[in-house]
Amino acid sequence: MIDSTQVPAAVLLVSASQAVEDLLAQVCAHYLPCRYDRIPEGADLIVRQLAGLPSPDVIILDGVSHPHVALALAAELAAAVPTGMIILVAERDDDLALPALRAGVRDIVFLDSEVTELRAAIDRAVRLRQAVGRPGPPSPGVDDRPRIDGRIVTVVSPKGGGGKTTVATNIAVDLAQRSPGRTVLVDLDIQFGDVASALDLEPEYHLPDTVTGQPGRDPMALKAILTEHRTGLYAICAPDSPVEADQIGGDDVGQLLRTLASEFEFVVVDTAPGLSEHTLSALDETTDLILLSSMEVPGVRGLRKELDTLSQLDLLPERRRVVINFADPHGLLSIADIEATIHGTVDHQLPRSRAAVDAVNQGIPLLESGVKDPLTKQLRILVDAIAGPAARSATPAPRADARAGAAGRVKPRRAANRWSRTRELVVR
């Protein structure tokens, strides 16, 4: 039972194990002990005992005694005490992490861990609780306006290795530099996303933090835990561990993007290769679609299948652009070959670039550094096609290529000596 004579604290202990309490006692001088002979199977008793006491910021839950009962209790506590960030203390078990995340557990600390691990877990939980309880970060032009109907720009590609993250981060950075505080980038490659690396960020909060608890319901709480980039861009980065991705459903993605679009002018979404549940949910909300492919036979075939599938699903928005990355006028395929295969127009060609490789390794996108490079120029043309030309004080406005049409699209070079067999391979 709770000892109501103890000084109220932000940490609540729910335990039937003396070992768990001994571990907590080494970290916290004051906590609310909720001791039982056996972990309760429901949260009702705990909620009644908390009546009149301060709502906890952190709940230390004993998962040693009866782990499966503790996980069921965690799910109820997450709903009944939404302010409490749940930390599960348990014996080492590789099969426990995923069910714990699904139950709403924020962190897991093993009983045989060093005391510093529990202390660090509590610190993380407290910082998150404080973040969602304070006003969001300053966003000039957003917070002082009514809710807006922002545009959701989604970058998709049928296969990995096509430079999708490079394109998404450069689009987001350039939009943010035009209007700081009005653009947010979401890394929806939830298992192996590397937006954080591409932007040289060390996020304190990740995608799972934005779709659960108070941030999942409150736009102000959500904005409080976004990661701010030096250009004025805000970012939501992929989880540290692929196992955390399982707790994020398609409905969560849709709700997150709708909330962000009500607060930001542009929401840029980097997706995983292919058409996962999460990508399809993002496409349901997308206003501007960037379809990206490399200039290779497998990539072009994949692009054709992706276009056909999205057309059948009625997920091709009116504002969409086909972008060929690593474009090479001397390569095996021509733009004419690609257009014949996809039965459509290639809107932009992004050339191969050594500067792009250096930019990724340094975590400084080309449109942030302003490095003079053919790719930088074409990326700016792409962003202008999305948002319209914008005045830039630091760099002159890009001029369209001499072969470009009115929309800034580079016209394909239709060399007469292309291998006819190449086209047959792609079209088949």
Protein backbone atom coordinates (compact mmCIF):
# COMPACT_ATOMS: atom_id res chain seq x y z
CA MET A 1 0.00 0.00 0.00
CA ILE A 2 1.06 3.64 -0.46
CA ASP A 3 2.61 5.28 2.55
CA SER A 4 0.80 8.63 2.49
CA THR A 5 3.02 9.99 5.23
CA GLN A 6 6.04 9.97 2.93
CA VAL A 7 7.05 13.20 1.25
CA PRO A 8 5.32 13.32 -2.17
CA ALA A 9 7.72 12.75 -5.02
CA ALA A 10 7.62 12.56 -8.80
CA VAL A 11 8.59 8.86 -8.79
CA LEU A 12 6.10 6.10 -8.04
CA LEU A 13 7.24 2.56 -7.28
CA VAL A 14 4.88 -0.33 -8.03
CA SER A 15 6.59 -3.47 -6.81
CA ALA A 16 6.32 -6.86 -5.17
CA SER A 17 10.10 -7.31 -5.13
CA GLN A 18 12.43 -6.04 -2.44
CA ALA A 19 15.31 -6.21 -4.92
CA VAL A 20 13.62 -3.69 -7.20
CA GLU A 21 13.00 -1.30 -4.32
CA ASP A 22 16.59 -1.68 -3.12
CA LEU A 23 17.80 -0.72 -6.59
CA LEU A 24 15.53 2.34 -6.71
CA ALA A 25 16.56 3.40 -3.21
CA GLN A 26 20.12 3.80 -4.45
CA VAL A 27 18.93 6.33 -7.00
CA CYS A 28 16.03 8.21 -5.38
CA ALA A 29 15.96 9.56 -1.86
CA HIS A 30 12.21 10.07 -2.05
CA TYR A 31 9.59 8.10 -3.93
CA LEU A 32 6.04 6.93 -3.42
CA PRO A 33 6.15 3.19 -2.63
CA CYS A 34 3.23 1.11 -3.77
CA ARG A 35 4.12 -2.29 -2.31
CA TYR A 36 2.22 -5.52 -2.90
CA ASP A 37 2.63 -9.20 -2.19
CA ARG A 38 1.83 -9.73 -5.86
CA ILE A 39 1.70 -7.29 -8.78
CA PRO A 40 -1.94 -6.21 -9.31
CA GLU A 41 -3.64 -7.43 -12.46
CA GLY A 42 -5.35 -4.09 -13.01
CA ALA A 43 -4.65 -0.39 -12.45
CA ASP A 44 -7.85 0.41 -10.52
CA LEU A 45 -6.37 -0.23 -7.09
CA ILE A 46 -3.32 1.91 -7.81
CA VAL A 47 -5.40 4.76 -9.21
CA ARG A 48 -7.61 4.77 -6.11
CA GLN A 49 -4.56 4.83 -3.87
CA LEU A 50 -3.13 7.77 -5.81
CA ALA A 51 -6.25 9.86 -5.21
CA GLY A 52 -5.28 13.17 -3.62
CA LEU A 53 -1.56 12.62 -4.20
CA PRO A 54 0.64 14.32 -6.81
CA SER A 55 0.47 12.69 -10.21
CA PRO A 56 3.76 10.84 -10.80
CA ASP A 57 6.18 11.83 -13.54
CA VAL A 58 7.89 8.42 -13.50
CA ILE A 59 6.52 4.98 -12.61
CA ILE A 60 9.04 2.29 -11.69
CA LEU A 61 7.27 -0.99 -12.38
CA ASP A 62 8.44 -4.33 -11.03
CA GLY A 63 8.73 -6.80 -13.87
CA VAL A 64 10.81 -9.28 -11.91
CA SER A 65 8.12 -11.02 -9.90
CA HIS A 66 5.52 -11.64 -12.63
CA PRO A 67 6.64 -10.04 -15.92
CA HIS A 68 3.54 -10.86 -17.96
CA VAL A 69 1.24 -9.48 -15.29
CA ALA A 70 3.45 -6.39 -15.12
CA LEU A 71 3.13 -5.79 -18.86
CA ALA A 72 -0.65 -6.01 -18.69
CA LEU A 73 -0.58 -3.56 -15.79
CA ALA A 74 1.75 -1.24 -17.73
CA ALA A 75 -0.78 -0.97 -20.56
CA GLU A 76 -3.52 0.03 -18.11
CA LEU A 77 -1.27 2.46 -16.24
CA ALA A 78 -0.24 4.14 -19.49
CA ALA A 79 -3.90 4.96 -20.10
CA ALA A 80 -4.94 5.66 -16.51
CA VAL A 81 -1.90 7.76 -15.52
CA PRO A 82 -0.82 9.42 -18.81
CA THR A 83 1.60 11.75 -17.02
CA GLY A 84 3.66 8.81 -15.74
CA MET A 85 6.61 7.63 -17.86
CA ILE A 86 6.85 3.88 -17.15
CA ILE A 87 10.22 2.23 -16.55
CA LEU A 88 10.16 -1.55 -16.26
CA VAL A 89 12.77 -3.25 -14.05
CA ALA A 90 13.10 -6.89 -15.04
CA GLU A 91 15.39 -9.86 -15.37
CA ARG A 92 17.31 -10.09 -18.64
CA ASP A 93 15.04 -11.44 -21.35
CA ASP A 94 15.51 -10.79 -25.07
CA ASP A 95 11.84 -11.49 -25.71
CA LEU A 96 10.62 -8.83 -23.29
CA ALA A 97 11.55 -5.64 -25.16
CA LEU A 98 8.93 -5.73 -27.89
CA PRO A 99 5.91 -6.60 -25.68
CA ALA A 100 7.06 -3.92 -23.24
CA LEU A 101 7.16 -1.25 -25.93
CA ARG A 102 3.71 -2.28 -27.11
CA ALA A 103 2.42 -1.96 -23.54
CA GLY A 104 3.59 1.64 -23.29
CA VAL A 105 6.82 1.10 -21.35
CA ARG A 106 9.26 3.95 -21.98
CA ASP A 107 12.44 2.19 -20.87
CA ILE A 108 13.64 -1.15 -19.58
CA VAL A 109 16.35 -1.55 -16.93
CA PHE A 110 17.62 -5.00 -16.06
CA LEU A 111 17.87 -5.91 -12.40
CA ASP A 112 21.56 -6.79 -12.67
CA SER A 113 22.44 -3.47 -14.35
CA GLU A 114 24.59 -0.79 -12.81
CA VAL A 115 22.76 1.78 -10.70
CA THR A 116 23.79 4.42 -13.24
CA GLU A 117 21.54 2.80 -15.86
CA LEU A 118 18.43 3.24 -13.73
CA ARG A 119 19.48 6.79 -12.89
CA ALA A 120 19.94 7.59 -16.59
CA ALA A 121 16.55 6.05 -17.45
CA ILE A 122 14.82 8.15 -14.79
CA ASP A 123 16.61 11.28 -16.01
CA ARG A 124 15.45 10.63 -19.57
CA ALA A 125 11.88 10.07 -18.40
CA VAL A 126 11.85 13.23 -16.29
CA ARG A 127 13.22 15.34 -19.15
CA LEU A 128 10.54 13.98 -21.47
CA ARG A 129 7.83 14.66 -18.91
CA GLN A 130 9.10 18.21 -18.42
CA ALA A 131 9.32 18.77 -22.16
CA VAL A 132 5.72 17.82 -22.85
CA GLY A 133 4.60 19.96 -19.94
CA ARG A 134 6.11 23.20 -21.20
CA PRO A 135 5.28 25.37 -24.22
CA GLY A 136 6.68 24.33 -27.57
CA PRO A 137 9.80 25.83 -29.16
CA PRO A 138 9.54 29.31 -30.65
CA SER A 139 8.28 29.09 -34.19
CA PRO A 140 8.12 32.54 -35.81
CA GLY A 141 5.14 32.83 -38.06
CA VAL A 142 3.54 29.61 -36.75
CA ASP A 143 2.74 29.97 -33.09
CA ASP A 144 1.36 33.48 -33.53
CA ARG A 145 -1.03 32.44 -36.30
CA PRO A 146 -4.20 30.38 -36.43
CA ARG A 147 -3.85 26.72 -37.27
CA ILE A 148 -2.75 26.31 -40.88
CA ASP A 149 -3.30 23.75 -43.59
CA GLY A 150 0.30 22.80 -44.28
CA ARG A 151 1.56 20.88 -47.28
CA ILE A 152 2.93 17.37 -46.79
CA VAL A 153 5.82 16.63 -49.17
CA THR A 154 6.62 12.91 -49.24
CA VAL A 155 9.70 11.42 -50.90
CA VAL A 156 9.31 7.78 -51.97
CA SER A 157 11.49 5.32 -53.84
CA PRO A 158 10.89 1.69 -54.77
CA LYS A 159 14.40 0.61 -53.78
CA GLY A 160 17.05 1.59 -51.26
CA GLY A 161 20.29 3.36 -52.13
CA GLY A 162 18.63 5.87 -54.44
CA GLY A 163 19.53 8.96 -52.41
CA LYS A 164 16.08 9.44 -50.93
CA THR A 165 17.31 10.80 -47.60
CA THR A 166 19.72 13.17 -49.35
CA VAL A 167 16.87 14.59 -51.44
CA ALA A 168 14.45 14.82 -48.49
CA THR A 169 16.94 16.55 -46.17
CA ASN A 170 17.97 19.07 -48.82
CA ILE A 171 14.34 19.91 -49.63
CA ALA A 172 13.57 20.35 -45.93
CA VAL A 173 16.66 22.45 -45.20
CA ASP A 174 16.03 24.78 -48.13
CA LEU A 175 12.38 25.28 -47.18
CA ALA A 176 13.42 25.95 -43.58
CA GLN A 177 16.01 28.53 -44.61
CA ARG A 178 13.34 30.41 -46.54
CA SER A 179 11.02 30.53 -43.52
CA PRO A 180 12.70 29.36 -40.29
CA GLY A 181 10.39 27.54 -37.91
CA ARG A 182 7.78 26.66 -40.54
CA THR A 183 9.17 23.36 -41.78
CA VAL A 184 9.45 19.96 -40.09
CA LEU A 185 11.13 16.81 -41.42
CA VAL A 186 9.83 13.37 -40.42
CA ASP A 187 12.06 10.30 -40.75
CA LEU A 188 9.53 7.59 -41.55
CA ASP A 189 12.18 4.96 -42.32
CA ILE A 190 11.35 3.75 -38.85
CA GLN A 191 13.78 0.83 -38.71
CA PHE A 192 16.95 2.17 -40.33
CA GLY A 193 16.36 5.86 -40.93
CA ASP A 194 19.42 8.10 -40.95
CA VAL A 195 18.04 11.62 -41.10
CA ALA A 196 19.77 12.35 -37.79
CA SER A 197 23.13 11.45 -39.31
CA ALA A 198 22.45 13.35 -42.54
CA LEU A 199 21.72 16.51 -40.51
CA ASP A 200 24.38 15.94 -37.83
CA LEU A 201 21.75 15.79 -35.10
CA GLU A 202 21.79 14.05 -31.73
CA PRO A 203 18.06 13.93 -30.92
CA GLU A 204 16.89 13.47 -27.38
CA TYR A 205 13.46 12.31 -28.55
CA HIS A 206 12.54 10.09 -31.46
CA LEU A 207 9.53 9.10 -33.55
CA PRO A 208 7.97 6.77 -30.92
CA ASP A 209 7.96 9.66 -28.41
CA THR A 210 5.79 11.73 -30.76
CA VAL A 211 2.96 9.21 -31.22
CA THR A 212 2.45 8.03 -27.65
CA GLY A 213 1.27 9.75 -24.49
CA GLN A 214 0.59 13.47 -24.38
CA PRO A 215 2.57 14.43 -27.55
CA GLY A 216 0.34 12.09 -29.54
CA ARG A 217 -2.71 14.10 -28.47
CA ASP A 218 -1.48 17.66 -27.89
CA PRO A 219 0.20 19.72 -30.68
CA MET A 220 1.97 21.96 -28.16
CA ALA A 221 3.40 18.97 -26.33
CA LEU A 222 4.46 17.49 -29.67
CA LYS A 223 6.29 20.65 -30.69
CA ALA A 224 8.12 20.68 -27.37
CA ILE A 225 9.96 17.46 -28.16
CA LEU A 226 10.97 18.18 -31.76
CA THR A 227 14.69 18.36 -32.53
CA GLU A 228 15.80 21.75 -33.80
CA HIS A 229 18.37 22.03 -36.59
CA ARG A 230 20.72 24.98 -36.97
CA THR A 231 18.88 26.17 -40.12
CA GLY A 232 15.56 26.62 -38.31
CA LEU A 233 14.29 23.22 -39.43
CA TYR A 234 12.57 20.91 -36.93
CA ALA A 235 13.02 17.16 -37.20
CA ILE A 236 11.49 13.95 -35.93
CA CYS A 237 14.16 11.28 -36.16
CA ALA A 238 13.80 7.51 -36.48
CA PRO A 239 14.11 5.33 -33.37
CA ASP A 240 17.53 4.29 -32.10
CA SER A 241 16.57 0.63 -32.26
CA PRO A 242 14.61 -1.13 -35.05
CA VAL A 243 12.63 -3.03 -32.40
CA GLU A 244 10.96 0.23 -31.34
CA ALA A 245 9.41 0.56 -34.78
CA ASP A 246 6.84 -2.12 -34.02
CA GLN A 247 4.94 0.12 -31.63
CA ILE A 248 4.17 2.64 -34.41
CA GLY A 249 1.09 1.85 -36.48
CA GLY A 250 -0.22 3.30 -39.70
CA ASP A 251 -2.95 5.22 -37.86
CA ASP A 252 -0.27 6.80 -35.65
CA VAL A 253 1.54 8.05 -38.73
CA GLY A 254 -1.59 9.57 -40.21
CA GLN A 255 -2.50 11.35 -36.98
CA LEU A 256 1.05 12.66 -36.56
CA LEU A 257 1.19 14.12 -40.07
CA ARG A 258 -2.22 15.76 -39.71
CA THR A 259 -1.15 17.34 -36.43
CA LEU A 260 2.10 18.60 -37.92
CA ALA A 261 0.31 20.00 -40.97
CA SER A 262 -1.89 22.04 -38.64
CA GLU A 263 1.22 23.65 -37.13
CA PHE A 264 3.77 23.88 -39.97
CA GLU A 265 3.71 25.25 -43.49
CA PHE A 266 5.67 22.30 -44.86
CA VAL A 267 5.96 18.74 -43.55
CA VAL A 268 8.67 16.82 -45.43
CA VAL A 269 8.54 13.03 -45.07
CA ASP A 270 11.44 10.68 -45.76
CA THR A 271 10.17 7.12 -46.18
CA ALA A 272 11.55 3.59 -46.20
CA PRO A 273 12.11 1.89 -49.57
CA GLY A 274 9.00 0.32 -51.05
CA LEU A 275 5.39 0.72 -49.95
CA SER A 276 5.12 -0.23 -46.28
CA GLU A 277 2.05 0.32 -44.11
CA HIS A 278 3.63 3.49 -42.75
CA THR A 279 4.45 4.86 -46.20
CA LEU A 280 0.92 4.18 -47.46
CA SER A 281 -0.47 5.99 -44.41
CA ALA A 282 1.77 8.95 -45.22
CA LEU A 283 0.61 8.89 -48.84
CA ASP A 284 -3.00 9.14 -47.65
CA GLU A 285 -2.10 12.57 -46.24
CA THR A 286 0.38 13.67 -48.94
CA THR A 287 -0.20 16.82 -50.97
CA ASP A 288 3.11 16.81 -52.89
CA LEU A 289 4.78 13.56 -53.98
CA ILE A 290 8.39 13.12 -55.05
CA LEU A 291 8.92 9.80 -56.85
CA LEU A 292 12.64 9.07 -56.88
CA SER A 293 14.61 6.46 -58.80
CA SER A 294 18.19 5.83 -59.77
CA MET A 295 19.13 5.59 -63.44
CA GLU A 296 19.40 1.82 -63.48
CA VAL A 297 17.22 -0.96 -64.89
CA PRO A 298 16.06 -2.36 -61.48
CA GLY A 299 15.30 1.11 -60.18
CA VAL A 300 13.33 2.14 -63.26
CA ARG A 301 11.36 -1.11 -63.28
CA GLY A 302 10.57 -0.57 -59.62
CA LEU A 303 9.47 3.00 -60.34
CA ARG A 304 7.07 1.78 -63.03
CA LYS A 305 5.54 -0.77 -60.63
CA GLU A 306 5.30 1.86 -57.89
CA LEU A 307 3.51 4.31 -60.18
CA ASP A 308 1.10 1.60 -61.35
CA THR A 309 0.36 0.51 -57.77
CA LEU A 310 -0.21 4.03 -56.47
CA SER A 311 -2.45 4.79 -59.43
CA GLN A 312 -4.57 1.71 -58.69
CA LEU A 313 -4.78 2.76 -55.02
CA ASP A 314 -5.69 6.34 -56.02
CA LEU A 315 -2.69 7.64 -54.09
CA LEU A 316 -1.10 9.81 -56.80
CA PRO A 317 -1.74 13.46 -55.87
CA GLU A 318 -2.05 16.08 -58.57
CA ARG A 319 1.19 17.68 -57.41
CA ARG A 320 3.78 14.99 -58.09
CA ARG A 321 7.20 14.98 -59.66
CA VAL A 322 9.33 12.14 -61.03
CA VAL A 323 12.98 12.65 -60.15
CA ILE A 324 15.90 10.64 -61.53
CA ASN A 325 18.92 10.64 -59.26
CA PHE A 326 22.53 9.92 -60.27
CA ALA A 327 21.62 11.03 -63.81
CA ASP A 328 24.38 10.37 -66.33
CA PRO A 329 24.01 11.49 -69.97
CA HIS A 330 26.61 8.90 -70.97
CA GLY A 331 25.04 5.99 -69.13
CA LEU A 332 23.42 2.89 -70.53
CA LEU A 333 19.90 4.27 -70.14
CA SER A 334 18.59 7.52 -71.53
CA ILE A 335 15.85 9.69 -70.09
CA ALA A 336 13.83 8.76 -73.20
CA ASP A 337 14.15 5.09 -72.23
CA ILE A 338 12.91 5.83 -68.72
CA GLU A 339 9.98 7.91 -69.91
CA ALA A 340 8.97 5.18 -72.34
CA THR A 341 9.06 2.65 -69.51
CA ILE A 342 7.06 4.62 -66.95
CA HIS A 343 4.66 6.01 -69.58
CA GLY A 344 5.23 9.46 -68.20
CA THR A 345 7.55 12.43 -67.92
CA VAL A 346 10.76 12.74 -65.95
CA ASP A 347 10.50 16.13 -64.27
CA HIS A 348 13.96 16.50 -62.76
CA GLN A 349 17.42 15.00 -63.23
CA LEU A 350 19.88 15.11 -60.33
CA PRO A 351 23.45 14.47 -61.53
CA ARG A 352 26.03 12.35 -59.77
CA SER A 353 28.08 14.40 -57.36
CA ARG A 354 31.15 13.86 -55.24
CA ALA A 355 30.08 16.87 -53.18
CA ALA A 356 26.90 14.98 -52.19
CA VAL A 357 28.95 12.14 -50.71
CA ASP A 358 31.04 14.59 -48.70
CA ALA A 359 27.90 16.40 -47.55
CA VAL A 360 26.37 13.17 -46.24
CA ASN A 361 29.56 12.23 -44.42
CA GLN A 362 29.79 15.67 -42.83
CA GLY A 363 26.09 15.93 -41.98
CA ILE A 364 25.77 19.24 -43.85
CA PRO A 365 23.28 19.16 -46.75
CA LEU A 366 24.35 20.86 -49.97
CA LEU A 367 21.53 23.40 -49.79
CA GLU A 368 22.73 24.38 -46.33
CA SER A 369 26.41 24.76 -47.21
CA GLY A 370 25.76 26.32 -50.62
CA VAL A 371 28.62 24.38 -52.21
CA LYS A 372 28.81 25.23 -55.90
CA ASP A 373 27.97 22.00 -57.65
CA PRO A 374 25.66 20.95 -60.50
CA LEU A 375 23.63 18.91 -58.00
CA THR A 376 23.15 21.95 -55.76
CA LYS A 377 21.71 23.85 -58.69
CA GLN A 378 19.28 21.10 -59.65
CA LEU A 379 18.16 20.59 -56.05
CA ARG A 380 17.28 24.28 -55.85
CA ILE A 381 15.28 23.99 -59.06
CA LEU A 382 13.41 21.05 -57.49
CA VAL A 383 12.59 23.03 -54.33
CA ASP A 384 11.47 25.99 -56.44
CA ALA A 385 9.14 23.64 -58.32
CA ILE A 386 7.60 22.60 -55.00
CA ALA A 387 7.35 25.94 -53.22
CA GLY A 388 7.90 28.52 -55.95
CA PRO A 389 11.04 30.64 -56.48
CA ALA A 390 12.22 32.44 -53.37
CA ALA A 391 14.58 35.33 -52.89
CA ARG A 392 17.86 34.32 -51.30
CA SER A 393 20.15 36.85 -49.72
CA ALA A 394 23.18 34.57 -49.43
CA THR A 395 23.07 32.91 -52.84
CA PRO A 396 21.77 34.08 -56.21
CA ALA A 397 18.62 32.54 -57.58
CA PRO A 398 19.47 29.57 -59.79
CA ARG A 399 19.07 29.90 -63.53
CA ALA A 400 17.40 27.15 -65.46
CA ASP A 401 19.62 24.99 -67.64
CA ALA A 402 19.87 26.11 -71.27
CA ARG A 403 17.93 23.01 -72.25
CA ALA A 404 15.26 23.50 -69.57
CA GLY A 405 11.61 24.02 -70.31
CA ALA A 406 9.27 26.51 -68.66
CA ALA A 407 8.89 24.33 -65.59
CA GLY A 408 12.67 24.04 -65.09
CA ARG A 409 12.76 20.43 -66.29
CA VAL A 410 15.90 19.46 -68.15
CA LYS A 411 14.93 18.07 -71.54
CA PRO A 412 16.30 14.59 -72.18
CA ARG A 413 19.15 14.05 -74.59
CA ARG A 414 17.80 11.67 -77.16
CA ALA A 415 20.99 10.16 -78.55
CA ALA A 416 20.41 8.17 -81.73
CA ASN A 417 22.98 5.52 -80.87
CA ARG A 418 21.40 4.23 -77.62
CA TRP A 419 21.37 0.47 -77.37
CA SER A 420 17.95 -0.71 -78.45
CA ARG A 421 18.37 -3.84 -76.34
CA THR A 422 18.51 -1.69 -73.20
CA ARG A 423 15.05 -0.33 -73.86
CA GLU A 424 13.71 -3.81 -74.49
CA LEU A 425 15.13 -4.99 -71.17
CA VAL A 426 13.46 -2.19 -69.27
CA VAL A 427 10.09 -2.30 -71.00
CA ARG A 428 9.75 -6.07 -70.65
